[in-house]
């Protein structure tokens, strides 16, 4: 049931000279990440999280990095360490920002990592929770494309797993692309990934 593999698509553009230390640090972390210096980026996000205890974004990106790394991880011990760290930072972020659609989507991602690693063990444990997280995320913010994409792709993967037709969910993937086309993140630091994944899934629907 490995249904959602999302690549972090971080669009970084220049800030004004009035950047805060937080913005400068986050921008530097994104640049390291884009340069495939993932460990260095993660370390910087951790330093920012400690220095800016009220900001949820550094914790979010630490969770995302560990979620992304776990998709290709085969060692159960390493995977557990990655996903435990992701969960720790998600929990911290959720204390700072309640009912946050982006955090709900990332929580669903982390649970999906567990299911993708061992569906027999974790499918029953997390399957219902994942569906509930996407329902809540889309209810809070129907215009969020990552919530729409995640909900559609999880439903599609579930249908495929149970031998049902996945075609009805293709229109939901298309709808998420429309949301990506109009979505404007709150700032240049806020999540803005997922459109390429949605387009890839849409292409598979048409093939």
N, C-alpha and C. Protein backbone atom coordinates (compact mmCIF):
# COMPACT_ATOMS: atom_id res chain seq x y z
N UNK A 1 0.82 -1.20 0.00
CA UNK A 1 0.00 0.00 0.00
C UNK A 1 0.86 1.26 0.00
N UNK A 2 1.97 1.11 -0.68
CA UNK A 2 2.85 2.28 -0.76
C UNK A 2 2.28 3.24 -1.78
N UNK A 3 1.42 4.12 -1.32
CA UNK A 3 0.61 4.91 -2.25
C UNK A 3 1.08 6.33 -2.44
N UNK A 4 1.84 6.84 -1.48
CA UNK A 4 2.15 8.27 -1.56
C UNK A 4 3.64 8.48 -1.41
N UNK A 5 4.28 8.80 -2.50
CA UNK A 5 5.70 9.12 -2.44
C UNK A 5 5.85 10.54 -2.94
N UNK A 6 6.07 11.42 -2.02
CA UNK A 6 6.10 12.84 -2.37
C UNK A 6 7.51 13.39 -2.27
N UNK A 7 7.89 14.11 -3.27
CA UNK A 7 9.19 14.77 -3.28
C UNK A 7 9.03 16.19 -2.80
N UNK A 8 9.93 16.61 -1.96
CA UNK A 8 9.87 17.99 -1.48
C UNK A 8 10.27 18.93 -2.60
N UNK A 9 9.33 19.71 -3.03
CA UNK A 9 9.59 20.67 -4.09
C UNK A 9 9.61 22.06 -3.47
N UNK A 10 10.80 22.49 -3.15
CA UNK A 10 10.93 23.73 -2.40
C UNK A 10 11.32 24.85 -3.35
N UNK A 11 10.42 25.79 -3.49
CA UNK A 11 10.65 26.91 -4.39
C UNK A 11 11.18 28.07 -3.58
N UNK A 12 12.46 28.33 -3.75
CA UNK A 12 13.10 29.38 -2.98
C UNK A 12 13.37 30.58 -3.88
N UNK A 13 12.90 31.72 -3.48
CA UNK A 13 13.20 32.94 -4.21
C UNK A 13 13.70 33.98 -3.23
N UNK A 14 14.31 35.01 -3.74
CA UNK A 14 14.99 35.97 -2.89
C UNK A 14 14.06 36.76 -1.99
N UNK A 15 14.47 36.91 -0.76
CA UNK A 15 13.76 37.76 0.16
C UNK A 15 14.33 39.18 0.07
N UNK A 16 13.66 40.08 0.69
CA UNK A 16 14.18 41.44 0.76
C UNK A 16 15.31 41.47 1.77
N UNK A 17 15.98 42.59 1.85
CA UNK A 17 17.09 42.73 2.77
C UNK A 17 16.62 42.78 4.22
N UNK A 18 15.32 42.85 4.39
CA UNK A 18 14.77 42.94 5.74
C UNK A 18 14.52 41.56 6.35
N UNK A 19 15.23 40.57 5.88
CA UNK A 19 15.07 39.21 6.40
C UNK A 19 15.39 39.16 7.89
N UNK A 20 14.59 38.38 8.59
CA UNK A 20 14.89 38.11 10.00
C UNK A 20 15.91 36.98 10.07
N UNK A 21 16.47 36.77 11.23
CA UNK A 21 17.39 35.65 11.42
C UNK A 21 16.69 34.33 11.13
N UNK A 22 15.41 34.24 11.51
CA UNK A 22 14.63 33.03 11.23
C UNK A 22 14.55 32.78 9.73
N UNK A 23 14.20 33.80 8.97
CA UNK A 23 14.08 33.66 7.52
C UNK A 23 15.42 33.30 6.88
N UNK A 24 16.48 33.95 7.35
CA UNK A 24 17.82 33.65 6.80
C UNK A 24 18.20 32.20 7.08
N UNK A 25 17.96 31.76 8.30
CA UNK A 25 18.30 30.39 8.66
C UNK A 25 17.49 29.38 7.86
N UNK A 26 16.20 29.62 7.72
CA UNK A 26 15.34 28.71 6.96
C UNK A 26 15.76 28.67 5.50
N UNK A 27 16.06 29.83 4.93
CA UNK A 27 16.49 29.88 3.53
C UNK A 27 17.77 29.09 3.33
N UNK A 28 18.70 29.22 4.26
CA UNK A 28 19.95 28.47 4.17
C UNK A 28 19.70 26.97 4.26
N UNK A 29 18.80 26.58 5.15
CA UNK A 29 18.46 25.16 5.28
C UNK A 29 17.85 24.62 4.00
N UNK A 30 16.97 25.40 3.37
CA UNK A 30 16.38 24.97 2.10
C UNK A 30 17.45 24.83 1.02
N UNK A 31 18.40 25.76 0.99
CA UNK A 31 19.47 25.70 -0.01
C UNK A 31 20.31 24.44 0.17
N UNK A 32 20.60 24.08 1.42
CA UNK A 32 21.34 22.85 1.70
C UNK A 32 20.55 21.63 1.23
N UNK A 33 19.25 21.66 1.51
CA UNK A 33 18.39 20.54 1.12
C UNK A 33 18.35 20.40 -0.40
N UNK A 34 18.19 21.51 -1.09
CA UNK A 34 18.17 21.48 -2.56
C UNK A 34 19.49 20.98 -3.13
N UNK A 35 20.58 21.19 -2.40
CA UNK A 35 21.90 20.75 -2.85
C UNK A 35 22.17 19.30 -2.43
N UNK A 36 21.12 18.61 -1.99
CA UNK A 36 21.21 17.22 -1.54
C UNK A 36 22.09 17.03 -0.31
N UNK A 37 22.26 18.11 0.45
CA UNK A 37 22.96 18.02 1.73
C UNK A 37 21.89 17.91 2.82
N UNK A 38 21.22 16.76 2.78
CA UNK A 38 20.02 16.59 3.60
C UNK A 38 20.34 16.60 5.09
N UNK A 39 21.41 15.93 5.47
CA UNK A 39 21.76 15.87 6.89
C UNK A 39 22.09 17.26 7.43
N UNK A 40 22.83 18.03 6.61
CA UNK A 40 23.17 19.40 7.04
C UNK A 40 21.92 20.26 7.15
N UNK A 41 21.00 20.08 6.21
CA UNK A 41 19.74 20.83 6.25
C UNK A 41 18.95 20.47 7.50
N UNK A 42 18.88 19.18 7.78
CA UNK A 42 18.13 18.73 8.96
C UNK A 42 18.75 19.31 10.24
N UNK A 43 20.06 19.29 10.31
CA UNK A 43 20.73 19.85 11.48
C UNK A 43 20.43 21.34 11.65
N UNK A 44 20.37 22.04 10.53
CA UNK A 44 20.07 23.47 10.60
C UNK A 44 18.63 23.70 11.05
N UNK A 45 17.70 22.91 10.52
CA UNK A 45 16.32 23.03 10.96
C UNK A 45 16.21 22.77 12.47
N UNK A 46 16.99 21.82 12.96
CA UNK A 46 16.96 21.52 14.39
C UNK A 46 17.46 22.71 15.21
N UNK A 47 18.52 23.34 14.74
CA UNK A 47 19.04 24.51 15.46
C UNK A 47 18.02 25.65 15.45
N UNK A 48 17.36 25.82 14.31
CA UNK A 48 16.34 26.87 14.22
C UNK A 48 15.17 26.56 15.15
N UNK A 49 14.77 25.30 15.21
CA UNK A 49 13.65 24.91 16.07
C UNK A 49 13.95 25.23 17.54
N UNK A 50 15.20 25.03 17.94
CA UNK A 50 15.58 25.33 19.32
C UNK A 50 15.64 26.84 19.56
N UNK A 51 16.09 27.57 18.55
CA UNK A 51 16.22 29.02 18.69
C UNK A 51 14.89 29.75 18.56
N UNK A 52 13.94 29.12 17.86
CA UNK A 52 12.63 29.74 17.61
C UNK A 52 11.52 28.81 18.11
N UNK A 53 11.36 28.72 19.42
CA UNK A 53 10.44 27.72 20.00
C UNK A 53 8.97 27.91 19.65
N UNK A 54 8.60 29.07 19.10
CA UNK A 54 7.19 29.29 18.75
C UNK A 54 6.89 28.97 17.29
N UNK A 55 7.92 28.72 16.51
CA UNK A 55 7.75 28.47 15.07
C UNK A 55 7.56 26.97 14.80
N UNK A 56 6.51 26.63 14.06
CA UNK A 56 6.24 25.22 13.76
C UNK A 56 6.94 24.72 12.50
N UNK A 57 7.33 25.62 11.62
CA UNK A 57 7.88 25.20 10.33
C UNK A 57 9.17 24.38 10.43
N UNK A 58 10.13 24.74 11.29
CA UNK A 58 11.34 23.90 11.36
C UNK A 58 11.02 22.46 11.76
N UNK A 59 10.12 22.28 12.73
CA UNK A 59 9.72 20.93 13.13
C UNK A 59 9.05 20.19 11.99
N UNK A 60 8.23 20.91 11.25
CA UNK A 60 7.55 20.32 10.10
C UNK A 60 8.55 19.76 9.10
N UNK A 61 9.56 20.55 8.76
CA UNK A 61 10.51 20.10 7.74
C UNK A 61 11.43 18.99 8.24
N UNK A 62 11.72 18.96 9.53
CA UNK A 62 12.47 17.83 10.08
C UNK A 62 11.64 16.56 9.93
N UNK A 63 10.35 16.66 10.22
CA UNK A 63 9.45 15.51 10.04
C UNK A 63 9.40 15.09 8.59
N UNK A 64 9.33 16.06 7.68
CA UNK A 64 9.25 15.72 6.26
C UNK A 64 10.53 15.05 5.77
N UNK A 65 11.67 15.56 6.18
CA UNK A 65 12.93 14.95 5.77
C UNK A 65 12.99 13.49 6.20
N UNK A 66 12.61 13.22 7.44
CA UNK A 66 12.67 11.85 7.94
C UNK A 66 11.62 10.96 7.30
N UNK A 67 10.48 11.54 6.96
CA UNK A 67 9.46 10.79 6.23
C UNK A 67 9.97 10.40 4.85
N UNK A 68 10.55 11.36 4.15
CA UNK A 68 11.06 11.10 2.80
C UNK A 68 12.17 10.06 2.81
N UNK A 69 13.06 10.15 3.79
CA UNK A 69 14.17 9.19 3.87
C UNK A 69 13.66 7.78 4.10
N UNK A 70 12.55 7.66 4.80
CA UNK A 70 12.09 6.33 5.19
C UNK A 70 11.45 5.55 4.05
N UNK A 71 11.07 6.25 2.95
CA UNK A 71 10.44 5.53 1.84
C UNK A 71 11.34 4.45 1.27
N UNK A 72 12.63 4.69 1.25
CA UNK A 72 13.57 3.73 0.65
C UNK A 72 14.34 2.93 1.69
N UNK A 73 14.00 3.11 2.97
CA UNK A 73 14.73 2.43 4.04
C UNK A 73 14.21 1.00 4.22
N UNK A 74 15.14 0.04 4.23
CA UNK A 74 14.77 -1.37 4.39
C UNK A 74 15.07 -1.89 5.79
N UNK A 75 15.93 -1.21 6.51
CA UNK A 75 16.33 -1.63 7.85
C UNK A 75 15.28 -1.15 8.86
N UNK A 76 14.65 -2.09 9.55
CA UNK A 76 13.57 -1.74 10.47
C UNK A 76 14.03 -0.83 11.60
N UNK A 77 15.25 -1.04 12.08
CA UNK A 77 15.76 -0.23 13.18
C UNK A 77 15.99 1.21 12.74
N UNK A 78 16.59 1.35 11.56
CA UNK A 78 16.84 2.70 11.03
C UNK A 78 15.53 3.41 10.74
N UNK A 79 14.59 2.68 10.12
CA UNK A 79 13.29 3.26 9.80
C UNK A 79 12.56 3.72 11.05
N UNK A 80 12.60 2.90 12.09
CA UNK A 80 11.93 3.28 13.34
C UNK A 80 12.54 4.56 13.91
N UNK A 81 13.86 4.67 13.85
CA UNK A 81 14.52 5.88 14.37
C UNK A 81 14.09 7.11 13.57
N UNK A 82 14.00 6.95 12.25
CA UNK A 82 13.60 8.06 11.39
C UNK A 82 12.16 8.49 11.68
N UNK A 83 11.26 7.52 11.73
CA UNK A 83 9.85 7.85 11.91
C UNK A 83 9.54 8.27 13.34
N UNK A 84 10.28 7.76 14.31
CA UNK A 84 10.12 8.24 15.68
C UNK A 84 10.54 9.71 15.77
N UNK A 85 11.62 10.06 15.06
CA UNK A 85 12.07 11.45 15.06
C UNK A 85 11.05 12.33 14.35
N UNK A 86 10.52 11.85 13.24
CA UNK A 86 9.49 12.60 12.52
C UNK A 86 8.29 12.84 13.44
N UNK A 87 7.88 11.79 14.17
CA UNK A 87 6.72 11.91 15.06
C UNK A 87 6.99 12.89 16.20
N UNK A 88 8.20 12.83 16.75
CA UNK A 88 8.58 13.74 17.83
C UNK A 88 8.43 15.20 17.40
N UNK A 89 8.90 15.49 16.19
CA UNK A 89 8.84 16.87 15.72
C UNK A 89 7.43 17.26 15.27
N UNK A 90 6.68 16.30 14.77
CA UNK A 90 5.27 16.60 14.45
C UNK A 90 4.49 16.92 15.72
N UNK A 91 4.74 16.14 16.76
CA UNK A 91 4.06 16.39 18.03
C UNK A 91 4.39 17.79 18.54
N UNK A 92 5.66 18.17 18.42
CA UNK A 92 6.08 19.50 18.87
C UNK A 92 5.41 20.59 18.04
N UNK A 93 5.34 20.37 16.73
CA UNK A 93 4.72 21.36 15.84
C UNK A 93 3.23 21.51 16.13
N UNK A 94 2.57 20.39 16.42
CA UNK A 94 1.13 20.44 16.67
C UNK A 94 0.80 21.16 17.97
N UNK A 95 1.72 21.16 18.91
CA UNK A 95 1.51 21.93 20.13
C UNK A 95 1.60 23.44 19.85
N UNK A 96 2.34 23.79 18.82
CA UNK A 96 2.53 25.20 18.46
C UNK A 96 1.43 25.70 17.53
N UNK A 97 0.86 24.80 16.74
CA UNK A 97 -0.13 25.19 15.74
C UNK A 97 -1.22 24.12 15.66
N UNK A 98 -2.35 24.38 16.28
CA UNK A 98 -3.44 23.41 16.32
C UNK A 98 -4.28 23.47 15.04
N UNK A 99 -4.87 22.33 14.69
CA UNK A 99 -5.75 22.24 13.52
C UNK A 99 -5.08 22.81 12.27
N UNK A 100 -3.84 22.44 12.08
CA UNK A 100 -3.04 22.91 10.96
C UNK A 100 -3.09 21.86 9.85
N UNK A 101 -3.66 22.21 8.73
CA UNK A 101 -3.83 21.26 7.63
C UNK A 101 -2.51 20.64 7.20
N UNK A 102 -1.46 21.45 7.09
CA UNK A 102 -0.17 20.92 6.63
C UNK A 102 0.38 19.88 7.60
N UNK A 103 0.19 20.10 8.89
CA UNK A 103 0.67 19.14 9.88
C UNK A 103 -0.16 17.86 9.86
N UNK A 104 -1.45 17.99 9.62
CA UNK A 104 -2.30 16.80 9.51
C UNK A 104 -1.89 15.96 8.31
N UNK A 105 -1.59 16.62 7.20
CA UNK A 105 -1.14 15.90 6.00
C UNK A 105 0.19 15.19 6.27
N UNK A 106 1.10 15.87 6.95
CA UNK A 106 2.39 15.25 7.23
C UNK A 106 2.24 14.08 8.22
N UNK A 107 1.31 14.21 9.16
CA UNK A 107 1.04 13.09 10.06
C UNK A 107 0.53 11.89 9.27
N UNK A 108 -0.36 12.14 8.33
CA UNK A 108 -0.85 11.05 7.48
C UNK A 108 0.30 10.43 6.69
N UNK A 109 1.23 11.25 6.25
CA UNK A 109 2.39 10.76 5.51
C UNK A 109 3.23 9.82 6.38
N UNK A 110 3.48 10.23 7.60
CA UNK A 110 4.30 9.41 8.50
C UNK A 110 3.61 8.07 8.79
N UNK A 111 2.31 8.10 9.03
CA UNK A 111 1.59 6.84 9.23
C UNK A 111 1.66 5.98 7.96
N UNK A 112 1.59 6.63 6.81
CA UNK A 112 1.68 5.90 5.54
C UNK A 112 3.06 5.26 5.37
N UNK A 113 4.09 5.92 5.87
CA UNK A 113 5.43 5.33 5.83
C UNK A 113 5.45 3.98 6.54
N UNK A 114 4.80 3.93 7.69
CA UNK A 114 4.74 2.67 8.43
C UNK A 114 3.99 1.60 7.64
N UNK A 115 2.87 1.99 7.04
CA UNK A 115 2.07 1.03 6.27
C UNK A 115 2.85 0.55 5.05
N UNK A 116 3.57 1.47 4.40
CA UNK A 116 4.36 1.10 3.22
C UNK A 116 5.47 0.13 3.59
N UNK A 117 6.03 0.29 4.76
CA UNK A 117 7.11 -0.59 5.20
C UNK A 117 6.61 -1.99 5.53
N UNK A 118 5.47 -2.07 6.18
CA UNK A 118 4.93 -3.38 6.58
C UNK A 118 3.42 -3.27 6.68
N UNK A 119 2.77 -3.50 5.54
CA UNK A 119 1.32 -3.36 5.48
C UNK A 119 0.58 -4.34 6.36
N UNK A 120 1.11 -5.55 6.49
CA UNK A 120 0.44 -6.55 7.31
C UNK A 120 0.42 -6.14 8.78
N UNK A 121 1.49 -5.53 9.23
CA UNK A 121 1.59 -5.13 10.63
C UNK A 121 0.88 -3.81 10.91
N UNK A 122 1.06 -2.85 10.01
CA UNK A 122 0.62 -1.49 10.31
C UNK A 122 -0.63 -1.04 9.55
N UNK A 123 -1.07 -1.83 8.58
CA UNK A 123 -2.24 -1.44 7.80
C UNK A 123 -3.49 -1.26 8.66
N UNK A 124 -3.78 -2.26 9.51
CA UNK A 124 -4.94 -2.18 10.38
C UNK A 124 -4.79 -1.08 11.42
N UNK A 125 -3.55 -0.88 11.89
CA UNK A 125 -3.30 0.10 12.95
C UNK A 125 -3.49 1.53 12.48
N UNK A 126 -3.01 1.81 11.25
CA UNK A 126 -2.97 3.19 10.80
C UNK A 126 -3.92 3.52 9.65
N UNK A 127 -4.44 2.51 8.96
CA UNK A 127 -5.26 2.77 7.78
C UNK A 127 -6.42 3.71 8.05
N UNK A 128 -7.19 3.42 9.08
CA UNK A 128 -8.33 4.26 9.42
C UNK A 128 -7.91 5.65 9.87
N UNK A 129 -6.81 5.72 10.60
CA UNK A 129 -6.32 7.02 11.08
C UNK A 129 -5.89 7.91 9.92
N UNK A 130 -5.26 7.30 8.92
CA UNK A 130 -4.82 8.07 7.75
C UNK A 130 -6.02 8.68 7.03
N UNK A 131 -7.04 7.86 6.81
CA UNK A 131 -8.25 8.36 6.14
C UNK A 131 -8.88 9.49 6.95
N UNK A 132 -8.92 9.34 8.27
CA UNK A 132 -9.49 10.37 9.14
C UNK A 132 -8.69 11.67 9.09
N UNK A 133 -7.36 11.55 9.04
CA UNK A 133 -6.51 12.74 8.99
C UNK A 133 -6.76 13.53 7.71
N UNK A 134 -6.89 12.82 6.59
CA UNK A 134 -7.16 13.52 5.33
C UNK A 134 -8.55 14.13 5.31
N UNK A 135 -9.50 13.46 5.92
CA UNK A 135 -10.86 14.02 6.01
C UNK A 135 -10.83 15.32 6.82
N UNK A 136 -10.12 15.28 7.95
CA UNK A 136 -10.03 16.46 8.80
C UNK A 136 -9.29 17.59 8.10
N UNK A 137 -8.19 17.23 7.43
CA UNK A 137 -7.37 18.24 6.75
C UNK A 137 -8.16 18.94 5.65
N UNK A 138 -8.90 18.18 4.86
CA UNK A 138 -9.68 18.79 3.77
C UNK A 138 -10.87 19.57 4.31
N UNK A 139 -11.39 19.16 5.47
CA UNK A 139 -12.50 19.90 6.07
C UNK A 139 -12.03 21.25 6.59
N UNK A 140 -10.84 21.27 7.18
CA UNK A 140 -10.29 22.52 7.70
C UNK A 140 -9.96 23.48 6.57
N UNK A 141 -9.34 22.94 5.52
CA UNK A 141 -8.94 23.79 4.40
C UNK A 141 -9.18 23.07 3.07
N UNK A 142 -10.38 23.21 2.52
CA UNK A 142 -10.71 22.53 1.25
C UNK A 142 -9.86 22.99 0.08
N UNK A 143 -9.18 24.13 0.22
CA UNK A 143 -8.37 24.64 -0.88
C UNK A 143 -6.92 24.16 -0.84
N UNK A 144 -6.57 23.37 0.17
CA UNK A 144 -5.19 22.91 0.28
C UNK A 144 -4.94 21.75 -0.68
N UNK A 145 -4.03 21.91 -1.65
CA UNK A 145 -3.83 20.87 -2.65
C UNK A 145 -3.17 19.61 -2.11
N UNK A 146 -2.32 19.74 -1.08
CA UNK A 146 -1.66 18.55 -0.53
C UNK A 146 -2.66 17.67 0.21
N UNK A 147 -3.61 18.31 0.88
CA UNK A 147 -4.65 17.53 1.55
C UNK A 147 -5.52 16.81 0.52
N UNK A 148 -5.89 17.52 -0.54
CA UNK A 148 -6.73 16.92 -1.58
C UNK A 148 -6.00 15.77 -2.28
N UNK A 149 -4.73 15.99 -2.60
CA UNK A 149 -3.94 14.95 -3.26
C UNK A 149 -3.77 13.74 -2.36
N UNK A 150 -3.40 13.98 -1.11
CA UNK A 150 -3.19 12.87 -0.19
C UNK A 150 -4.45 12.05 0.01
N UNK A 151 -5.57 12.73 0.17
CA UNK A 151 -6.84 12.03 0.35
C UNK A 151 -7.18 11.18 -0.86
N UNK A 152 -7.00 11.75 -2.06
CA UNK A 152 -7.32 11.02 -3.28
C UNK A 152 -6.37 9.85 -3.49
N UNK A 153 -5.09 10.08 -3.23
CA UNK A 153 -4.12 9.02 -3.50
C UNK A 153 -4.23 7.88 -2.47
N UNK A 154 -4.56 8.23 -1.23
CA UNK A 154 -4.77 7.19 -0.24
C UNK A 154 -6.00 6.35 -0.60
N UNK A 155 -7.06 7.00 -1.02
CA UNK A 155 -8.27 6.28 -1.43
C UNK A 155 -7.99 5.40 -2.64
N UNK A 156 -7.21 5.92 -3.57
CA UNK A 156 -6.85 5.17 -4.76
C UNK A 156 -6.01 3.94 -4.40
N UNK A 157 -5.04 4.14 -3.52
CA UNK A 157 -4.21 3.02 -3.10
C UNK A 157 -5.00 1.96 -2.35
N UNK A 158 -5.93 2.41 -1.52
CA UNK A 158 -6.77 1.47 -0.78
C UNK A 158 -7.64 0.66 -1.73
N UNK A 159 -8.22 1.34 -2.73
CA UNK A 159 -9.05 0.65 -3.71
C UNK A 159 -8.23 -0.40 -4.46
N UNK A 160 -7.02 -0.03 -4.84
CA UNK A 160 -6.15 -0.96 -5.56
C UNK A 160 -5.82 -2.16 -4.70
N UNK A 161 -5.55 -1.93 -3.42
CA UNK A 161 -5.19 -2.99 -2.48
C UNK A 161 -6.32 -4.00 -2.35
N UNK A 162 -7.56 -3.51 -2.38
CA UNK A 162 -8.71 -4.39 -2.20
C UNK A 162 -9.31 -4.85 -3.53
N UNK A 163 -8.58 -4.59 -4.63
CA UNK A 163 -9.01 -5.07 -5.93
C UNK A 163 -10.17 -4.32 -6.53
N UNK A 164 -10.35 -3.07 -6.11
CA UNK A 164 -11.45 -2.27 -6.64
C UNK A 164 -10.95 -1.32 -7.72
N UNK A 165 -11.89 -0.76 -8.47
CA UNK A 165 -11.56 0.16 -9.55
C UNK A 165 -11.00 1.47 -8.99
N UNK A 166 -9.85 1.89 -9.51
CA UNK A 166 -9.23 3.14 -9.03
C UNK A 166 -9.62 4.35 -9.89
N UNK A 167 -10.24 4.09 -11.03
CA UNK A 167 -10.56 5.17 -11.98
C UNK A 167 -11.39 6.31 -11.37
N UNK A 168 -12.36 6.01 -10.50
CA UNK A 168 -13.16 7.11 -9.95
C UNK A 168 -12.33 8.16 -9.20
N UNK A 169 -11.15 7.79 -8.75
CA UNK A 169 -10.34 8.74 -7.97
C UNK A 169 -9.46 9.61 -8.85
N UNK A 170 -9.40 9.29 -10.13
CA UNK A 170 -8.58 10.09 -11.04
C UNK A 170 -9.09 11.52 -11.14
N UNK A 171 -10.41 11.67 -11.08
CA UNK A 171 -10.98 13.03 -11.14
C UNK A 171 -10.59 13.83 -9.90
N UNK A 172 -10.40 13.14 -8.78
CA UNK A 172 -9.98 13.83 -7.56
C UNK A 172 -8.52 14.27 -7.66
N UNK A 173 -7.71 13.47 -8.34
CA UNK A 173 -6.32 13.87 -8.59
C UNK A 173 -6.30 15.11 -9.47
N UNK A 174 -7.14 15.10 -10.51
CA UNK A 174 -7.23 16.27 -11.40
C UNK A 174 -7.67 17.51 -10.62
N UNK A 175 -8.60 17.32 -9.71
CA UNK A 175 -9.08 18.44 -8.90
C UNK A 175 -7.96 19.00 -8.03
N UNK A 176 -7.10 18.11 -7.53
CA UNK A 176 -5.98 18.58 -6.70
C UNK A 176 -5.01 19.40 -7.53
N UNK A 177 -4.83 19.03 -8.80
CA UNK A 177 -3.94 19.80 -9.68
C UNK A 177 -4.48 21.22 -9.87
N UNK A 178 -5.79 21.33 -10.01
CA UNK A 178 -6.40 22.65 -10.12
C UNK A 178 -6.13 23.47 -8.86
N UNK A 179 -6.17 22.82 -7.72
CA UNK A 179 -5.87 23.52 -6.47
C UNK A 179 -4.41 23.95 -6.43
N UNK A 180 -3.52 23.09 -6.91
CA UNK A 180 -2.10 23.47 -6.97
C UNK A 180 -1.90 24.71 -7.85
N UNK A 181 -2.67 24.77 -8.92
CA UNK A 181 -2.53 25.89 -9.86
C UNK A 181 -2.92 27.23 -9.25
N UNK A 182 -3.77 27.20 -8.26
CA UNK A 182 -4.24 28.45 -7.66
C UNK A 182 -3.70 28.67 -6.25
N UNK A 183 -3.01 27.68 -5.70
CA UNK A 183 -2.56 27.76 -4.31
C UNK A 183 -1.45 28.79 -4.14
N UNK A 184 -1.56 29.58 -3.09
CA UNK A 184 -0.52 30.54 -2.75
C UNK A 184 -0.12 30.31 -1.30
N UNK A 185 1.11 29.84 -1.07
CA UNK A 185 1.54 29.59 0.31
C UNK A 185 1.55 30.88 1.12
N UNK A 186 1.42 30.73 2.41
CA UNK A 186 1.37 31.89 3.30
C UNK A 186 2.63 32.73 3.21
N UNK A 187 3.75 32.06 2.98
CA UNK A 187 5.02 32.75 2.79
C UNK A 187 5.92 31.86 1.96
N UNK A 188 7.10 32.36 1.63
CA UNK A 188 8.06 31.57 0.86
C UNK A 188 8.64 30.42 1.68
N UNK A 189 8.39 30.43 2.98
CA UNK A 189 8.88 29.38 3.85
C UNK A 189 7.86 28.26 4.04
N UNK A 190 6.64 28.51 3.70
CA UNK A 190 5.57 27.54 3.96
C UNK A 190 5.53 26.44 2.90
N UNK A 191 4.98 25.29 3.23
CA UNK A 191 4.93 24.16 2.29
C UNK A 191 4.32 24.54 0.95
N UNK A 192 4.98 24.09 -0.11
CA UNK A 192 4.51 24.38 -1.47
C UNK A 192 4.89 23.25 -2.42
N UNK A 193 4.84 22.03 -1.89
CA UNK A 193 5.27 20.87 -2.67
C UNK A 193 4.05 20.04 -3.11
N UNK A 194 4.28 19.13 -4.06
CA UNK A 194 3.27 18.13 -4.39
C UNK A 194 2.71 18.15 -5.80
N UNK A 195 2.88 19.27 -6.52
CA UNK A 195 2.23 19.37 -7.83
C UNK A 195 2.80 18.33 -8.80
N UNK A 196 4.11 18.16 -8.80
CA UNK A 196 4.71 17.18 -9.73
C UNK A 196 4.22 15.77 -9.44
N UNK A 197 4.04 15.46 -8.16
CA UNK A 197 3.51 14.14 -7.80
C UNK A 197 2.09 13.99 -8.33
N UNK A 198 1.28 15.02 -8.16
CA UNK A 198 -0.11 14.97 -8.63
C UNK A 198 -0.15 14.77 -10.15
N UNK A 199 0.74 15.46 -10.86
CA UNK A 199 0.77 15.33 -12.31
C UNK A 199 1.22 13.94 -12.73
N UNK A 200 2.14 13.34 -11.98
CA UNK A 200 2.61 11.99 -12.30
C UNK A 200 1.48 10.98 -12.10
N UNK A 201 0.72 11.13 -11.01
CA UNK A 201 -0.39 10.22 -10.76
C UNK A 201 -1.46 10.39 -11.82
N UNK A 202 -1.71 11.64 -12.22
CA UNK A 202 -2.68 11.92 -13.27
C UNK A 202 -2.28 11.27 -14.59
N UNK A 203 -0.99 11.33 -14.88
CA UNK A 203 -0.48 10.72 -16.12
C UNK A 203 -0.70 9.21 -16.09
N UNK A 204 -0.48 8.60 -14.92
CA UNK A 204 -0.72 7.16 -14.80
C UNK A 204 -2.19 6.83 -15.02
N UNK A 205 -3.05 7.74 -14.57
CA UNK A 205 -4.50 7.51 -14.74
C UNK A 205 -4.87 7.46 -16.23
N UNK A 206 -4.17 8.24 -17.02
CA UNK A 206 -4.50 8.36 -18.45
C UNK A 206 -3.80 7.32 -19.32
N UNK A 207 -2.84 6.63 -18.74
CA UNK A 207 -2.08 5.66 -19.55
C UNK A 207 -2.78 4.31 -19.63
